[in-house]
C-alpha atoms as a PDB file:
ATOM      1  CA  MET A   1      49.691 -14.143   7.535  1.00  0.00           C
ATOM      2  CA  SER A   2      50.576 -15.014   3.999  1.00  0.00           C
ATOM      3  CA  TYR A   3      52.335 -12.840   1.485  1.00  0.00           C
ATOM      4  CA  TYR A   4      52.681 -13.507  -2.204  1.00  0.00           C
ATOM      5  CA  LEU A   5      54.989 -11.609  -4.510  1.00  0.00           C
ATOM      6  CA  LEU A   6      54.472 -12.435  -8.190  1.00  0.00           C
ATOM      7  CA  ARG A   7      56.587 -11.115 -10.998  1.00  0.00           C
ATOM      8  CA  MET A   8      56.131 -11.913 -14.647  1.00  0.00           C
ATOM      9  CA  ARG A   9      59.130 -11.539 -16.937  1.00  0.00           C
ATOM     10  CA  ARG A  10      59.610 -12.136 -20.594  1.00  0.00           C
ATOM     11  CA  HIS A  11      62.718 -14.081 -21.603  1.00  0.00           C
ATOM     12  CA  ASP A  12      62.324 -13.998 -25.349  1.00  0.00           C
ATOM     13  CA  GLY A  13      62.253 -10.233 -25.891  1.00  0.00           C
ATOM     14  CA  GLY A  14      58.692 -10.419 -27.286  1.00  0.00           C
ATOM     15  CA  SER A  15      55.515  -8.741 -26.099  1.00  0.00           C
ATOM     16  CA  HIS A  16      53.077 -10.897 -24.106  1.00  0.00           C
ATOM     17  CA  SER A  17      49.719 -10.440 -22.426  1.00  0.00           C
ATOM     18  CA  VAL A  18      49.454 -11.863 -18.895  1.00  0.00           C
ATOM     19  CA  GLN A  19      46.438 -12.278 -16.637  1.00  0.00           C
ATOM     20  CA  LEU A  20      46.404 -13.493 -13.038  1.00  0.00           C
ATOM     21  CA  TYR A  21      43.333 -14.418 -11.042  1.00  0.00           C
ATOM     22  CA  LEU A  22      43.449 -14.633  -7.249  1.00  0.00           C
ATOM     23  CA  GLY A  23      40.233 -15.639  -5.544  1.00  0.00           C
ATOM     24  CA  VAL A  24      39.660 -15.528  -1.796  1.00  0.00           C
ATOM     25  CA  ALA A  25      36.403 -16.284   0.020  1.00  0.00           C
ATOM     26  CA  GLY A  26      35.233 -14.036   2.835  1.00  0.00           C
ATOM     27  CA  VAL A  27      33.772 -17.089   4.574  1.00  0.00           C
ATOM     28  CA  LEU A  28      37.284 -17.742   5.871  1.00  0.00           C
ATOM     29  CA  ARG A  29      36.504 -15.121   8.510  1.00  0.00           C
ATOM     30  CA  ARG A  30      33.347 -16.643  10.016  1.00  0.00           C
ATOM     31  CA  GLU A  31      32.461 -19.669  12.100  1.00  0.00           C
ATOM     32  CA  TYR A  32      28.759 -20.130  11.351  1.00  0.00           C
ATOM     33  CA  SER A  33      27.075 -19.914   7.967  1.00  0.00           C
ATOM     34  CA  ASP A  34      24.454 -17.458   9.302  1.00  0.00           C
ATOM     35  CA  GLN A  35      27.016 -14.826  10.319  1.00  0.00           C
ATOM     36  CA  GLU A  36      26.698 -11.780   8.136  1.00  0.00           C
ATOM     37  CA  LEU A  37      29.827 -10.738   6.232  1.00  0.00           C
ATOM     38  CA  ALA A  38      30.880  -7.210   5.367  1.00  0.00           C
ATOM     39  CA  SER A  39      33.457  -6.201   2.798  1.00  0.00           C
ATOM     40  CA  ILE A  40      34.868  -2.916   1.565  1.00  0.00           C
ATOM     41  CA  LYS A  41      37.229  -1.797  -1.147  1.00  0.00           C
ATOM     42  CA  GLY A  42      39.732   0.885  -0.261  1.00  0.00           C
ATOM     43  CA  TRP A  43      42.854   2.705  -1.352  1.00  0.00           C
ATOM     44  CA  ARG A  44      45.969   3.529   0.579  1.00  0.00           C
ATOM     45  CA  VAL A  45      48.594   4.864  -1.770  1.00  0.00           C
ATOM     46  CA  PRO A  46      50.184   3.005  -3.499  1.00  0.00           C
ATOM     47  CA  LEU A  47      47.795   0.056  -2.789  1.00  0.00           C
ATOM     48  CA  VAL A  48      44.203  -0.857  -3.503  1.00  0.00           C
ATOM     49  CA  TYR A  49      42.700  -3.465  -1.167  1.00  0.00           C
ATOM     50  CA  LEU A  50      39.655  -5.514  -0.291  1.00  0.00           C
ATOM     51  CA  ARG A  51      38.762  -6.136   3.368  1.00  0.00           C
ATOM     52  CA  ALA A  52      36.285  -8.815   4.454  1.00  0.00           C
ATOM     53  CA  GLY A  53      35.107  -9.973   7.829  1.00  0.00           C
ATOM     54  CA  THR A  54      32.034 -10.592   9.958  1.00  0.00           C
ATOM     55  CA  LYS A  55      29.756  -7.617  10.444  1.00  0.00           C
ATOM     56  CA  ASP A  56      29.692  -8.187  14.237  1.00  0.00           C
ATOM     57  CA  GLN A  57      33.289  -8.123  15.467  1.00  0.00           C
ATOM     58  CA  SER A  58      32.832  -9.845  18.865  1.00  0.00           C
ATOM     59  CA  VAL A  59      36.449 -10.218  19.885  1.00  0.00           C
ATOM     60  CA  LEU A  60      36.828 -13.024  22.448  1.00  0.00           C
ATOM     61  CA  ALA A  61      33.059 -13.057  23.095  1.00  0.00           C
ATOM     62  CA  ARG A  62      32.831 -16.866  23.157  1.00  0.00           C
ATOM     63  CA  ARG A  63      34.875 -19.461  24.931  1.00  0.00           C
ATOM     64  CA  GLY A  64      35.284 -23.210  24.719  1.00  0.00           C
ATOM     65  CA  ASP A  65      36.809 -25.858  22.491  1.00  0.00           C
ATOM     66  CA  ASP A  66      36.433 -26.307  18.743  1.00  0.00           C
ATOM     67  CA  LEU A  67      35.929 -22.594  17.998  1.00  0.00           C
ATOM     68  CA  ARG A  68      37.273 -20.684  15.047  1.00  0.00           C
ATOM     69  CA  ILE A  69      38.373 -17.083  15.118  1.00  0.00           C
ATOM     70  CA  ASP A  70      35.476 -15.177  13.577  1.00  0.00           C
ATOM     71  CA  TRP A  71      36.760 -11.682  14.301  1.00  0.00           C
ATOM     72  CA  GLY A  72      39.371  -9.660  12.524  1.00  0.00           C
ATOM     73  CA  TYR A  73      39.630  -9.060   8.795  1.00  0.00           C
ATOM     74  CA  LEU A  74      40.951 -10.716   5.727  1.00  0.00           C
ATOM     75  CA  TYR A  75      42.876  -8.330   3.469  1.00  0.00           C
ATOM     76  CA  VAL A  76      43.872  -8.710  -0.159  1.00  0.00           C
ATOM     77  CA  ALA A  77      46.008  -5.858  -1.519  1.00  0.00           C
ATOM     78  CA  ALA A  78      47.878  -5.061  -4.713  1.00  0.00           C
ATOM     79  CA  PRO A  79      49.718  -2.078  -6.168  1.00  0.00           C
ATOM     80  CA  ASN A  80      47.254   0.258  -7.875  1.00  0.00           C
ATOM     81  CA  GLU A  81      48.575   0.035 -11.429  1.00  0.00           C
ATOM     82  CA  PRO A  82      46.942   0.358 -14.863  1.00  0.00           C
ATOM     83  CA  GLY A  83      44.985  -2.736 -15.808  1.00  0.00           C
ATOM     84  CA  LEU A  84      44.338  -3.900 -12.234  1.00  0.00           C
ATOM     85  CA  ILE A  85      40.706  -4.942 -11.607  1.00  0.00           C
ATOM     86  CA  ILE A  86      39.538  -5.434  -8.029  1.00  0.00           C
ATOM     87  CA  ARG A  87      36.024  -6.739  -7.368  1.00  0.00           C
END
């Protein structure tokens, strides 16, 4: 798991406009390029989130070496505040 906490502060007393872009690819949750991905956007007060993962969640269905975990979900969440755009 990774958590990022970002805070923007002004040090000069002036007003500033700030934009932050965080991009994450759903392909992180699959092993083969032909696996279908599914994603949803949801809300759980006070957060808005995106969830991405493979459509078929075959937990521990394969065995062997050189395999990646292709089950489970990738979440990206942020406080639901004015100006936030989630796509």
